Protein backbone atom coordinates (compact mmCIF):
# COMPACT_ATOMS: atom_id res chain seq x y z
CA MET A 1 208.19 140.35 85.23
CA THR A 2 207.25 137.61 87.68
CA SER A 3 207.11 138.91 91.20
CA TYR A 4 208.02 137.20 94.40
CA SER A 5 204.34 137.13 95.40
CA ASP A 6 203.47 135.28 92.14
CA ILE A 7 206.14 132.67 92.82
CA SER A 8 205.08 132.41 96.45
CA ALA A 9 201.41 131.96 95.51
CA TRP A 10 202.33 129.28 92.96
CA GLY A 11 204.42 127.49 95.58
CA GLN A 12 201.61 127.67 98.14
CA GLU A 13 199.12 126.28 95.59
CA SER A 14 201.52 123.46 94.81
CA ILE A 15 201.94 122.55 98.47
CA GLU A 16 198.18 122.60 99.01
CA SER A 17 197.71 120.31 95.98
CA ILE A 18 200.31 117.87 97.29
CA VAL A 19 198.71 117.82 100.75
CA LYS A 20 195.29 117.12 99.21
CA ALA A 21 196.76 114.36 97.04
CA ASN A 22 198.52 112.77 100.02
CA THR A 23 195.34 112.93 102.09
CA ALA A 24 193.43 111.20 99.29
CA ALA A 25 196.18 108.56 99.03
CA VAL A 26 196.03 107.78 102.76
CA LYS A 27 192.24 107.55 102.65
CA GLY A 28 192.48 105.34 99.55
CA PHE A 29 194.96 102.96 101.17
CA GLU A 30 192.74 102.74 104.25
CA THR A 31 189.78 101.86 102.04
CA LEU A 32 191.84 99.26 100.18
CA ALA A 33 193.11 97.73 103.43
CA LYS A 34 189.56 97.54 104.82
CA HIS A 35 188.42 95.87 101.60
CA PHE A 36 191.14 93.22 101.86
CA VAL A 37 190.39 92.57 105.55
CA GLU A 38 186.73 91.99 104.65
CA LEU A 39 187.80 89.76 101.77
CA THR A 40 190.00 87.71 104.10
CA GLY A 41 187.09 87.12 106.47
CA LYS A 42 184.78 86.20 103.61
CA THR A 43 187.38 83.81 102.17
CA TYR A 44 187.80 82.11 105.54
CA GLU A 45 184.04 81.64 105.89
CA ASN A 46 183.81 80.25 102.35
CA SER A 47 186.66 77.82 103.08
CA VAL A 48 184.95 76.51 106.20
CA GLU A 49 181.70 76.08 104.27
CA ALA A 50 183.54 74.30 101.44
CA GLY A 51 185.16 71.93 103.91
CA LYS A 52 181.75 71.06 105.38
CA LYS A 53 180.34 70.40 101.91
CA LEU A 54 183.26 68.16 100.99
CA ALA A 55 182.99 66.28 104.29
CA GLY A 56 179.31 65.64 103.58
CA ALA A 57 179.99 63.79 100.33
CA LYS A 58 178.46 60.31 100.37
CA ASN A 59 180.67 58.81 97.68
CA VAL A 60 183.52 59.65 95.32
CA SER A 61 181.14 60.82 92.59
CA ASP A 62 179.50 63.31 94.98
CA LEU A 63 182.92 64.44 96.11
CA PHE A 64 183.99 65.24 92.53
CA GLN A 65 180.71 67.03 91.78
CA ILE A 66 181.00 69.14 94.93
CA GLN A 67 184.67 69.88 94.22
CA THR A 68 183.89 70.89 90.62
CA LYS A 69 181.11 73.23 91.77
CA LEU A 70 183.39 74.75 94.43
CA ALA A 71 186.14 75.32 91.84
CA GLN A 72 183.69 77.02 89.47
CA ASP A 73 182.32 79.21 92.25
CA SER A 74 185.84 80.09 93.41
CA PHE A 75 186.89 81.10 89.92
CA THR A 76 183.77 83.26 89.48
CA ALA A 77 184.39 84.92 92.87
CA PHE A 78 188.06 85.48 91.95
CA VAL A 79 187.11 87.24 88.69
CA GLU A 80 184.46 89.37 90.40
CA GLU A 81 186.84 90.32 93.20
CA GLY A 82 189.55 91.24 90.70
CA LYS A 83 187.08 93.49 88.94
CA SER A 84 186.07 95.06 92.25
CA VAL A 85 189.68 95.72 93.29
CA SER A 86 190.46 97.17 89.87
CA GLU A 87 187.52 99.58 90.10
CA LEU A 88 188.51 100.55 93.64
CA ALA A 89 192.13 101.17 92.59
CA THR A 90 190.98 103.29 89.64
CA GLU A 91 188.76 105.35 91.95
CA ILE A 92 191.63 105.85 94.40
CA PHE A 93 194.03 106.86 91.60
CA THR A 94 191.48 109.37 90.29
CA ASP A 95 191.02 110.86 93.77
CA VAL A 96 194.78 111.11 94.32
CA THR A 97 195.52 112.76 90.99
CA ALA A 98 192.52 115.14 91.02
CA PRO A 99 194.25 117.87 93.10
CA LEU A 100 197.40 117.67 90.94
CA THR A 101 195.76 117.63 87.52
CA PRO A 102 195.06 121.39 87.30
CA LYS A 103 198.71 122.17 88.05
CA PHE A 104 199.86 120.06 85.11
CA ALA A 105 196.99 120.87 82.77
CA LYS A 106 197.79 124.56 82.79
CA PRO A 107 201.06 125.35 80.97
CA ALA A 108 203.59 127.29 82.96
CA THR A 109 204.26 130.77 81.73
CA VAL A 110 207.64 132.34 82.13
CA LYS A 111 207.99 136.07 81.80
CA LYS A 112 211.31 137.32 80.55
CA ALA A 113 212.89 140.35 82.08
CA ALA A 114 212.98 143.31 79.73
């Protein structure tokens, strides 16, 4: 027979797991927000630099060459940043689910009253 103390202990473990998961989620969102703030600053700096390069073009041919190089660099940076954000999100998801995984990995046992 399942006792009140067993049910209470299970409930307490569940609450502790949820608190740990929520703490990890908050920390993860803070990390993600910080990452995007840094990305915004870097993007602004890159835009200013790109504008200076375009303004320095001596003729239309130079302008197109500079613009093509900037487009290629932007696409490469976009792909790399997407990869970085994906890895960060996966890490956050793993950290958030880690405290909950044991609760779901272990099957619940129900004792029937005799």
